[in-house]
N, C-alpha and C. Protein backbone atom coordinates (compact mmCIF):
# COMPACT_ATOMS: atom_id res chain seq x y z
N UNK A 1 -11.56 74.22 -107.58
CA UNK A 1 -11.96 72.88 -107.21
C UNK A 1 -11.48 72.54 -105.79
N UNK A 2 -10.22 72.88 -105.51
CA UNK A 2 -9.69 72.63 -104.16
C UNK A 2 -10.49 73.38 -103.11
N UNK A 3 -10.86 74.59 -103.45
CA UNK A 3 -11.64 75.41 -102.53
C UNK A 3 -12.97 74.74 -102.20
N UNK A 4 -13.65 74.20 -103.20
CA UNK A 4 -14.94 73.54 -103.02
C UNK A 4 -14.77 72.28 -102.15
N UNK A 5 -13.70 71.52 -102.36
CA UNK A 5 -13.45 70.33 -101.54
C UNK A 5 -13.16 70.73 -100.10
N UNK A 6 -12.45 71.82 -99.91
CA UNK A 6 -12.16 72.30 -98.57
C UNK A 6 -13.43 72.72 -97.83
N UNK A 7 -14.30 73.42 -98.53
CA UNK A 7 -15.57 73.84 -97.93
C UNK A 7 -16.43 72.62 -97.60
N UNK A 8 -16.46 71.65 -98.50
CA UNK A 8 -17.23 70.42 -98.27
C UNK A 8 -16.69 69.66 -97.06
N UNK A 9 -15.38 69.53 -96.97
CA UNK A 9 -14.77 68.83 -95.83
C UNK A 9 -15.06 69.57 -94.53
N UNK A 10 -14.99 70.88 -94.56
CA UNK A 10 -15.29 71.67 -93.37
C UNK A 10 -16.74 71.48 -92.94
N UNK A 11 -17.67 71.55 -93.90
CA UNK A 11 -19.10 71.39 -93.60
C UNK A 11 -19.38 70.01 -93.03
N UNK A 12 -18.79 68.97 -93.62
CA UNK A 12 -18.99 67.61 -93.11
C UNK A 12 -18.42 67.47 -91.70
N UNK A 13 -17.26 68.01 -91.46
CA UNK A 13 -16.65 67.95 -90.13
C UNK A 13 -17.47 68.70 -89.10
N UNK A 14 -17.95 69.87 -89.47
CA UNK A 14 -18.78 70.66 -88.56
C UNK A 14 -20.08 69.94 -88.26
N UNK A 15 -20.70 69.37 -89.28
CA UNK A 15 -21.94 68.62 -89.08
C UNK A 15 -21.74 67.43 -88.16
N UNK A 16 -20.66 66.69 -88.35
CA UNK A 16 -20.37 65.53 -87.50
C UNK A 16 -20.10 65.97 -86.07
N UNK A 17 -19.40 67.07 -85.90
CA UNK A 17 -19.11 67.57 -84.56
C UNK A 17 -20.38 68.00 -83.84
N UNK A 18 -21.26 68.69 -84.54
CA UNK A 18 -22.52 69.12 -83.92
C UNK A 18 -23.41 67.93 -83.60
N UNK A 19 -23.43 66.93 -84.46
CA UNK A 19 -24.22 65.72 -84.21
C UNK A 19 -23.68 65.00 -82.96
N UNK A 20 -22.38 64.88 -82.86
CA UNK A 20 -21.76 64.23 -81.70
C UNK A 20 -21.99 65.03 -80.43
N UNK A 21 -21.93 66.35 -80.53
CA UNK A 21 -22.16 67.21 -79.37
C UNK A 21 -23.59 67.06 -78.86
N UNK A 22 -24.56 67.04 -79.80
CA UNK A 22 -25.96 66.89 -79.40
C UNK A 22 -26.17 65.55 -78.69
N UNK A 23 -25.60 64.49 -79.22
CA UNK A 23 -25.75 63.17 -78.59
C UNK A 23 -25.01 63.11 -77.26
N UNK A 24 -23.88 63.77 -77.15
CA UNK A 24 -23.10 63.74 -75.92
C UNK A 24 -23.74 64.53 -74.79
N UNK A 25 -24.48 65.58 -75.12
CA UNK A 25 -25.09 66.42 -74.10
C UNK A 25 -26.54 66.04 -73.80
N UNK A 26 -27.11 65.12 -74.56
CA UNK A 26 -28.50 64.72 -74.32
C UNK A 26 -28.60 63.99 -72.98
N UNK A 27 -29.68 64.24 -72.21
CA UNK A 27 -29.82 63.54 -70.93
C UNK A 27 -29.90 62.03 -71.13
N UNK A 28 -29.23 61.32 -70.29
CA UNK A 28 -29.24 59.86 -70.34
C UNK A 28 -30.15 59.34 -69.24
N UNK A 29 -30.96 58.32 -69.53
CA UNK A 29 -31.81 57.78 -68.47
C UNK A 29 -30.98 57.13 -67.38
N UNK A 30 -31.50 57.18 -66.17
CA UNK A 30 -30.83 56.55 -65.05
C UNK A 30 -31.04 55.04 -65.12
N UNK A 31 -30.07 54.31 -64.72
CA UNK A 31 -30.13 52.87 -64.77
C UNK A 31 -31.19 52.32 -63.85
N UNK A 32 -31.78 51.20 -64.26
CA UNK A 32 -32.79 50.56 -63.44
C UNK A 32 -32.16 49.58 -62.47
N UNK A 33 -30.87 49.76 -62.19
CA UNK A 33 -30.18 48.87 -61.27
C UNK A 33 -30.86 48.82 -59.92
N UNK A 34 -30.43 47.87 -59.13
CA UNK A 34 -31.05 47.65 -57.83
C UNK A 34 -31.08 48.89 -56.98
N UNK A 35 -32.18 49.09 -56.34
CA UNK A 35 -32.35 50.24 -55.46
C UNK A 35 -32.13 49.77 -54.03
N UNK A 36 -31.24 50.42 -53.32
CA UNK A 36 -31.00 50.09 -51.91
C UNK A 36 -31.58 51.20 -51.06
N UNK A 37 -32.58 50.87 -50.23
CA UNK A 37 -33.17 51.91 -49.38
C UNK A 37 -32.11 52.54 -48.48
N UNK A 38 -32.26 53.80 -48.25
CA UNK A 38 -31.33 54.52 -47.39
C UNK A 38 -32.00 55.73 -46.79
N UNK A 39 -31.25 56.53 -46.06
CA UNK A 39 -31.84 57.72 -45.45
C UNK A 39 -32.28 58.72 -46.53
N UNK A 40 -33.43 59.31 -46.33
CA UNK A 40 -33.95 60.28 -47.28
C UNK A 40 -33.44 61.67 -46.93
N UNK A 41 -33.04 62.44 -47.93
CA UNK A 41 -32.57 63.80 -47.64
C UNK A 41 -33.72 64.67 -47.17
N UNK A 42 -33.45 65.48 -46.18
CA UNK A 42 -34.46 66.42 -45.70
C UNK A 42 -34.40 67.71 -46.51
N UNK A 43 -33.18 68.08 -46.90
CA UNK A 43 -32.94 69.30 -47.67
C UNK A 43 -31.74 69.07 -48.58
N UNK A 44 -31.63 69.89 -49.60
CA UNK A 44 -30.45 69.83 -50.47
C UNK A 44 -30.30 71.16 -51.18
N UNK A 45 -29.07 71.59 -51.35
CA UNK A 45 -28.75 72.83 -52.05
C UNK A 45 -27.92 72.47 -53.27
N UNK A 46 -28.44 72.80 -54.46
CA UNK A 46 -27.71 72.54 -55.70
C UNK A 46 -27.25 73.88 -56.28
N UNK A 47 -25.96 74.16 -56.10
CA UNK A 47 -25.38 75.39 -56.61
C UNK A 47 -24.76 75.20 -57.98
N UNK A 48 -24.76 73.98 -58.47
CA UNK A 48 -24.24 73.64 -59.79
C UNK A 48 -25.08 72.49 -60.33
N UNK A 49 -24.96 72.22 -61.63
CA UNK A 49 -25.69 71.09 -62.20
C UNK A 49 -25.36 69.83 -61.42
N UNK A 50 -26.38 69.03 -61.14
CA UNK A 50 -26.15 67.80 -60.40
C UNK A 50 -27.46 67.14 -60.03
N UNK A 51 -27.36 66.08 -59.24
CA UNK A 51 -28.55 65.33 -58.83
C UNK A 51 -28.53 65.08 -57.33
N UNK A 52 -29.74 64.90 -56.80
CA UNK A 52 -29.92 64.46 -55.42
C UNK A 52 -30.61 63.11 -55.51
N UNK A 53 -29.99 62.08 -54.96
CA UNK A 53 -30.60 60.76 -54.95
C UNK A 53 -31.53 60.62 -53.76
N UNK A 54 -32.69 60.05 -54.02
CA UNK A 54 -33.69 59.82 -52.97
C UNK A 54 -33.97 58.32 -52.98
N UNK A 55 -33.26 57.54 -52.16
CA UNK A 55 -33.36 56.07 -52.23
C UNK A 55 -34.60 55.53 -51.52
N UNK A 56 -35.76 55.83 -52.08
CA UNK A 56 -37.03 55.45 -51.48
C UNK A 56 -37.32 53.96 -51.71
N UNK A 57 -37.19 53.51 -52.94
CA UNK A 57 -37.28 52.09 -53.31
C UNK A 57 -38.64 51.45 -53.00
N UNK A 58 -39.71 52.20 -53.05
CA UNK A 58 -41.04 51.63 -52.84
C UNK A 58 -42.08 52.55 -53.47
N UNK A 59 -43.28 52.02 -53.63
CA UNK A 59 -44.38 52.83 -54.14
C UNK A 59 -44.74 53.87 -53.08
N UNK A 60 -44.93 55.09 -53.53
CA UNK A 60 -45.29 56.16 -52.59
C UNK A 60 -45.70 57.41 -53.36
N UNK A 61 -46.34 58.31 -52.66
CA UNK A 61 -46.58 59.64 -53.18
C UNK A 61 -45.54 60.53 -52.52
N UNK A 62 -44.78 61.24 -53.33
CA UNK A 62 -43.69 62.07 -52.83
C UNK A 62 -43.99 63.53 -53.16
N UNK A 63 -43.81 64.38 -52.17
CA UNK A 63 -44.00 65.81 -52.35
C UNK A 63 -42.64 66.48 -52.13
N UNK A 64 -42.18 67.18 -53.15
CA UNK A 64 -40.92 67.91 -53.08
C UNK A 64 -41.24 69.40 -53.07
N UNK A 65 -40.76 70.08 -52.08
CA UNK A 65 -40.92 71.54 -52.00
C UNK A 65 -39.61 72.14 -52.48
N UNK A 66 -39.67 72.76 -53.66
CA UNK A 66 -38.48 73.28 -54.32
C UNK A 66 -38.48 74.80 -54.31
N UNK A 67 -37.27 75.36 -54.38
CA UNK A 67 -37.13 76.80 -54.54
C UNK A 67 -36.04 77.06 -55.56
N UNK A 68 -36.30 78.00 -56.44
CA UNK A 68 -35.32 78.33 -57.47
C UNK A 68 -34.99 79.80 -57.49
N UNK A 69 -33.72 80.11 -57.77
CA UNK A 69 -33.31 81.50 -57.94
C UNK A 69 -32.97 81.70 -59.41
N UNK A 70 -33.55 82.72 -60.06
CA UNK A 70 -33.34 82.92 -61.49
C UNK A 70 -32.04 83.65 -61.81
N UNK A 71 -31.63 83.48 -63.05
CA UNK A 71 -30.52 84.25 -63.61
C UNK A 71 -30.83 84.46 -65.09
N UNK A 72 -30.57 85.64 -65.58
CA UNK A 72 -30.84 85.99 -66.98
C UNK A 72 -32.30 85.72 -67.35
N UNK A 73 -33.22 85.93 -66.39
CA UNK A 73 -34.64 85.81 -66.66
C UNK A 73 -35.19 84.40 -66.66
N UNK A 74 -34.37 83.41 -66.36
CA UNK A 74 -34.84 82.02 -66.34
C UNK A 74 -34.54 81.39 -64.99
N UNK A 75 -35.50 80.60 -64.52
CA UNK A 75 -35.30 79.86 -63.29
C UNK A 75 -34.60 78.54 -63.57
N UNK A 76 -34.24 77.83 -62.51
CA UNK A 76 -33.60 76.53 -62.70
C UNK A 76 -34.56 75.52 -63.33
N UNK A 77 -34.03 74.66 -64.19
CA UNK A 77 -34.80 73.60 -64.81
C UNK A 77 -34.54 72.34 -63.99
N UNK A 78 -35.62 71.74 -63.50
CA UNK A 78 -35.50 70.56 -62.65
C UNK A 78 -36.21 69.38 -63.29
N UNK A 79 -35.69 68.19 -63.02
CA UNK A 79 -36.30 66.95 -63.48
C UNK A 79 -36.37 66.01 -62.28
N UNK A 80 -37.53 65.38 -62.10
CA UNK A 80 -37.69 64.33 -61.09
C UNK A 80 -37.91 63.05 -61.88
N UNK A 81 -37.03 62.07 -61.67
CA UNK A 81 -37.11 60.81 -62.43
C UNK A 81 -36.93 59.63 -61.49
N UNK A 82 -37.50 58.51 -61.93
CA UNK A 82 -37.34 57.25 -61.21
C UNK A 82 -36.88 56.23 -62.24
N UNK A 83 -35.67 55.74 -62.06
CA UNK A 83 -35.11 54.85 -63.07
C UNK A 83 -35.04 55.59 -64.40
N UNK A 84 -35.66 55.03 -65.44
CA UNK A 84 -35.63 55.69 -66.75
C UNK A 84 -36.94 56.44 -67.04
N UNK A 85 -37.78 56.63 -66.03
CA UNK A 85 -39.06 57.32 -66.18
C UNK A 85 -38.99 58.73 -65.64
N UNK A 86 -39.30 59.71 -66.47
CA UNK A 86 -39.39 61.10 -66.00
C UNK A 86 -40.77 61.29 -65.39
N UNK A 87 -40.82 61.65 -64.12
CA UNK A 87 -42.08 61.85 -63.42
C UNK A 87 -42.56 63.29 -63.49
N UNK A 88 -41.62 64.23 -63.54
CA UNK A 88 -41.94 65.65 -63.63
C UNK A 88 -40.71 66.38 -64.12
N UNK A 89 -40.96 67.45 -64.89
CA UNK A 89 -39.88 68.35 -65.28
C UNK A 89 -40.47 69.73 -65.48
N UNK A 90 -39.67 70.74 -65.17
CA UNK A 90 -40.15 72.09 -65.35
C UNK A 90 -39.24 73.13 -64.73
N UNK A 91 -39.58 74.37 -64.98
CA UNK A 91 -38.84 75.50 -64.44
C UNK A 91 -39.33 75.79 -63.02
N UNK A 92 -38.41 76.13 -62.15
CA UNK A 92 -38.76 76.44 -60.76
C UNK A 92 -38.40 77.90 -60.50
N UNK A 93 -39.44 78.72 -60.35
CA UNK A 93 -39.26 80.13 -60.00
C UNK A 93 -39.89 80.35 -58.65
N UNK A 94 -39.13 80.83 -57.70
CA UNK A 94 -39.66 80.99 -56.35
C UNK A 94 -39.91 79.62 -55.74
N UNK A 95 -40.94 79.53 -54.89
CA UNK A 95 -41.28 78.25 -54.26
C UNK A 95 -42.24 77.48 -55.16
N UNK A 96 -42.04 76.17 -55.26
CA UNK A 96 -42.89 75.30 -56.07
C UNK A 96 -43.01 73.96 -55.39
N UNK A 97 -44.24 73.46 -55.30
CA UNK A 97 -44.47 72.14 -54.73
C UNK A 97 -44.75 71.17 -55.87
N UNK A 98 -43.99 70.09 -55.90
CA UNK A 98 -44.12 69.08 -56.95
C UNK A 98 -44.53 67.77 -56.30
N UNK A 99 -45.60 67.16 -56.83
CA UNK A 99 -46.07 65.87 -56.32
C UNK A 99 -45.89 64.82 -57.41
N UNK A 100 -45.29 63.69 -57.04
CA UNK A 100 -45.10 62.57 -57.98
C UNK A 100 -45.47 61.27 -57.28
N UNK A 101 -45.79 60.29 -58.07
CA UNK A 101 -46.07 58.95 -57.53
C UNK A 101 -44.98 58.01 -58.03
N UNK A 102 -44.30 57.37 -57.09
CA UNK A 102 -43.23 56.44 -57.45
C UNK A 102 -43.78 55.03 -57.57
N UNK A 103 -43.07 54.21 -58.35
CA UNK A 103 -43.48 52.82 -58.55
C UNK A 103 -42.55 51.85 -57.82
N UNK A 104 -41.49 52.38 -57.21
CA UNK A 104 -40.53 51.52 -56.53
C UNK A 104 -39.63 50.76 -57.48
N UNK A 105 -39.46 51.28 -58.70
CA UNK A 105 -38.69 50.59 -59.74
C UNK A 105 -37.28 51.15 -59.93
N UNK A 106 -36.81 51.96 -59.04
CA UNK A 106 -35.48 52.52 -59.17
C UNK A 106 -35.29 53.66 -58.20
N UNK A 107 -34.11 54.21 -58.20
CA UNK A 107 -33.81 55.34 -57.33
C UNK A 107 -34.51 56.58 -57.87
N UNK A 108 -35.14 57.32 -57.00
CA UNK A 108 -35.75 58.58 -57.35
C UNK A 108 -34.66 59.65 -57.32
N UNK A 109 -34.62 60.51 -58.33
CA UNK A 109 -33.62 61.57 -58.36
C UNK A 109 -34.26 62.90 -58.68
N UNK A 110 -33.67 63.94 -58.13
CA UNK A 110 -33.98 65.32 -58.47
C UNK A 110 -32.74 65.85 -59.17
N UNK A 111 -32.89 66.27 -60.44
CA UNK A 111 -31.75 66.75 -61.22
C UNK A 111 -31.90 68.23 -61.52
N UNK A 112 -30.79 68.97 -61.43
CA UNK A 112 -30.72 70.39 -61.77
C UNK A 112 -29.86 70.48 -63.02
N UNK A 113 -30.43 71.05 -64.11
CA UNK A 113 -29.79 70.92 -65.42
C UNK A 113 -29.24 72.20 -66.04
N UNK A 114 -29.61 73.37 -65.57
CA UNK A 114 -29.19 74.59 -66.29
C UNK A 114 -28.57 75.65 -65.39
N UNK A 115 -27.56 75.27 -64.66
CA UNK A 115 -26.87 76.21 -63.78
C UNK A 115 -26.31 77.38 -64.58
N UNK A 116 -26.33 78.55 -63.98
CA UNK A 116 -25.72 79.73 -64.60
C UNK A 116 -25.25 80.66 -63.50
N UNK A 117 -24.00 81.08 -63.60
CA UNK A 117 -23.45 82.06 -62.67
C UNK A 117 -22.98 83.24 -63.51
N UNK A 118 -23.70 84.36 -63.41
CA UNK A 118 -23.37 85.58 -64.14
C UNK A 118 -23.52 86.72 -63.14
N UNK A 119 -22.46 86.99 -62.36
CA UNK A 119 -22.56 87.98 -61.28
C UNK A 119 -23.26 89.25 -61.73
N UNK A 120 -24.17 89.75 -60.94
CA UNK A 120 -24.52 89.34 -59.58
C UNK A 120 -25.60 88.24 -59.54
N UNK A 121 -25.99 87.68 -60.68
CA UNK A 121 -27.04 86.66 -60.70
C UNK A 121 -26.43 85.26 -60.59
N UNK A 122 -27.17 84.37 -59.92
CA UNK A 122 -26.71 83.00 -59.74
C UNK A 122 -27.93 82.08 -59.70
N UNK A 123 -28.08 81.25 -60.72
CA UNK A 123 -29.22 80.33 -60.79
C UNK A 123 -28.92 79.09 -59.96
N UNK A 124 -29.77 78.82 -58.97
CA UNK A 124 -29.58 77.67 -58.08
C UNK A 124 -30.92 77.00 -57.83
N UNK A 125 -30.86 75.74 -57.38
CA UNK A 125 -32.06 74.98 -57.04
C UNK A 125 -31.91 74.44 -55.63
N UNK A 126 -32.98 74.57 -54.85
CA UNK A 126 -32.95 74.11 -53.46
C UNK A 126 -34.12 73.17 -53.21
N UNK A 127 -33.84 72.05 -52.58
CA UNK A 127 -34.88 71.16 -52.07
C UNK A 127 -35.11 71.59 -50.64
N UNK A 128 -36.24 72.23 -50.38
CA UNK A 128 -36.51 72.77 -49.05
C UNK A 128 -37.16 71.75 -48.12
N UNK A 129 -37.93 70.80 -48.71
CA UNK A 129 -38.60 69.81 -47.87
C UNK A 129 -38.98 68.63 -48.75
N UNK A 130 -38.96 67.44 -48.13
CA UNK A 130 -39.34 66.21 -48.81
C UNK A 130 -40.33 65.47 -47.91
N UNK A 131 -41.52 65.17 -48.46
CA UNK A 131 -42.53 64.42 -47.71
C UNK A 131 -42.85 63.15 -48.49
N UNK A 132 -43.00 62.06 -47.78
CA UNK A 132 -43.38 60.78 -48.38
C UNK A 132 -44.68 60.33 -47.74
N UNK A 133 -45.66 60.05 -48.59
CA UNK A 133 -46.97 59.60 -48.07
C UNK A 133 -47.23 58.18 -48.51
């Protein structure tokens, strides 16, 4: 009987831990807080998981020229979002041009989500050019 209670307690604890881990690692939407216009990045190098803020703060068509280096057969996973709206997401292998239309409702961000460093391979994401039309 004690053994069964121990197994049950372990299973419940493991289930709660996995549930909490899933919720803790899930992407959170960016706040719709005030957007302050600022200088736009011309280039950016993301060697680890992170974001590049693009404080455009107006309606526009934005073209991002991205480059990704793969590791373990997968390229970097990128997300382009404005406030809590995902405008584009996908894997970037080699050079990729991404076009999005902003609504001016928040800061535009480019996020890199799946960094991996396994020598000699290193998964990275690069913003090579940013055009605003």
